[in-house]
Amino acid sequence: MLINAIEGTTRRLGKAQGYNGLPVKDHVIDGLRAMTTSWQPTPAEIKAIADGAPIHVTLLGSSHPPILLALGEVPK
């Protein structure tokens, strides 16, 4: 998956630690603070998903925060 700079990016996580930085959009969902990132599957990944491959989400650390997984807008 390729990292996209999501529209409305408010900051980049990890940049201060020497990483490229993950663009996030800070906002509120149902009164709760949230961060959204954007990912674009490669053509090979699109084919694999269409063929039934699952999408895995990996969180670093030992506790799992609540997350949402959703589709963005279709590119124009």
Protein backbone atom coordinates (compact mmCIF):
# COMPACT_ATOMS: atom_id res chain seq x y z
CA MET A 1 0.00 0.00 0.00
CA LEU A 2 1.12 3.50 -0.76
CA ILE A 3 0.68 6.30 1.79
CA ASN A 4 -1.35 9.26 0.50
CA ALA A 5 -1.26 12.78 1.87
CA ILE A 6 -4.91 12.92 2.91
CA GLU A 7 -6.80 16.12 2.07
CA GLY A 8 -6.80 18.38 5.12
CA THR A 9 -3.60 16.89 6.61
CA THR A 10 -2.96 18.55 9.96
CA ARG A 11 0.35 16.89 10.95
CA ARG A 12 2.83 14.09 10.18
CA LEU A 13 3.34 11.40 12.80
CA GLY A 14 6.86 10.06 13.31
CA LYS A 15 8.66 12.81 11.40
CA ALA A 16 10.34 14.12 14.58
CA GLN A 17 11.67 10.59 15.21
CA GLY A 18 13.41 10.50 11.81
CA TYR A 19 10.75 8.63 9.82
CA ASN A 20 9.25 9.98 6.56
CA GLY A 21 6.16 10.88 8.55
CA LEU A 22 2.62 9.58 8.25
CA PRO A 23 0.22 12.34 7.12
CA VAL A 24 -2.85 12.42 9.38
CA LYS A 25 -6.00 14.51 9.48
CA ASP A 26 -7.12 15.31 13.01
CA HIS A 27 -10.88 15.62 13.47
CA VAL A 28 -13.78 14.64 15.74
CA ILE A 29 -16.15 11.70 15.18
CA ASP A 30 -19.20 11.46 17.43
CA GLY A 31 -17.52 13.72 20.00
CA LEU A 32 -14.30 11.66 20.05
CA ARG A 33 -10.90 12.85 18.84
CA ALA A 34 -9.78 10.91 15.77
CA MET A 35 -6.92 10.71 13.27
CA THR A 36 -7.43 9.56 9.68
CA THR A 37 -4.76 8.42 7.22
CA SER A 38 -5.08 7.56 3.54
CA TRP A 39 -3.66 4.51 1.74
CA GLN A 40 -3.76 3.62 -1.96
CA PRO A 41 -3.44 -0.02 -3.01
CA THR A 42 -1.05 -0.78 -5.88
CA PRO A 43 -2.48 -2.35 -9.06
CA ALA A 44 -1.26 -5.78 -7.87
CA GLU A 45 -2.97 -5.26 -4.49
CA ILE A 46 -6.20 -4.15 -6.19
CA LYS A 47 -6.19 -7.40 -8.17
CA ALA A 48 -5.46 -9.44 -5.03
CA ILE A 49 -8.33 -7.73 -3.16
CA ALA A 50 -10.68 -8.34 -6.11
CA ASP A 51 -9.58 -11.99 -6.03
CA GLY A 52 -10.53 -12.23 -2.33
CA ALA A 53 -7.32 -11.40 -0.45
CA PRO A 54 -8.01 -9.98 3.04
CA ILE A 55 -6.76 -6.59 4.20
CA HIS A 56 -4.57 -6.81 7.32
CA VAL A 57 -4.16 -3.95 9.80
CA THR A 58 -1.08 -4.09 12.05
CA LEU A 59 -0.81 -1.89 15.13
CA LEU A 60 2.53 -1.63 16.90
CA GLY A 61 2.50 -2.07 20.66
CA SER A 62 0.60 -4.28 23.07
CA SER A 63 -2.85 -2.69 23.20
CA HIS A 64 -5.41 -2.25 20.42
CA PRO A 65 -7.23 1.08 20.21
CA PRO A 66 -10.64 1.28 18.55
CA ILE A 67 -10.27 1.77 14.79
CA LEU A 68 -12.48 2.36 11.74
CA LEU A 69 -11.74 1.04 8.26
CA ALA A 70 -13.58 2.73 5.40
CA LEU A 71 -13.29 3.63 1.72
CA GLY A 72 -12.46 7.12 0.57
CA GLU A 73 -13.78 8.91 -2.52
CA VAL A 74 -13.21 7.43 -5.98
CA PRO A 75 -10.39 9.39 -7.70
CA LYS A 76 -11.56 11.72 -10.46
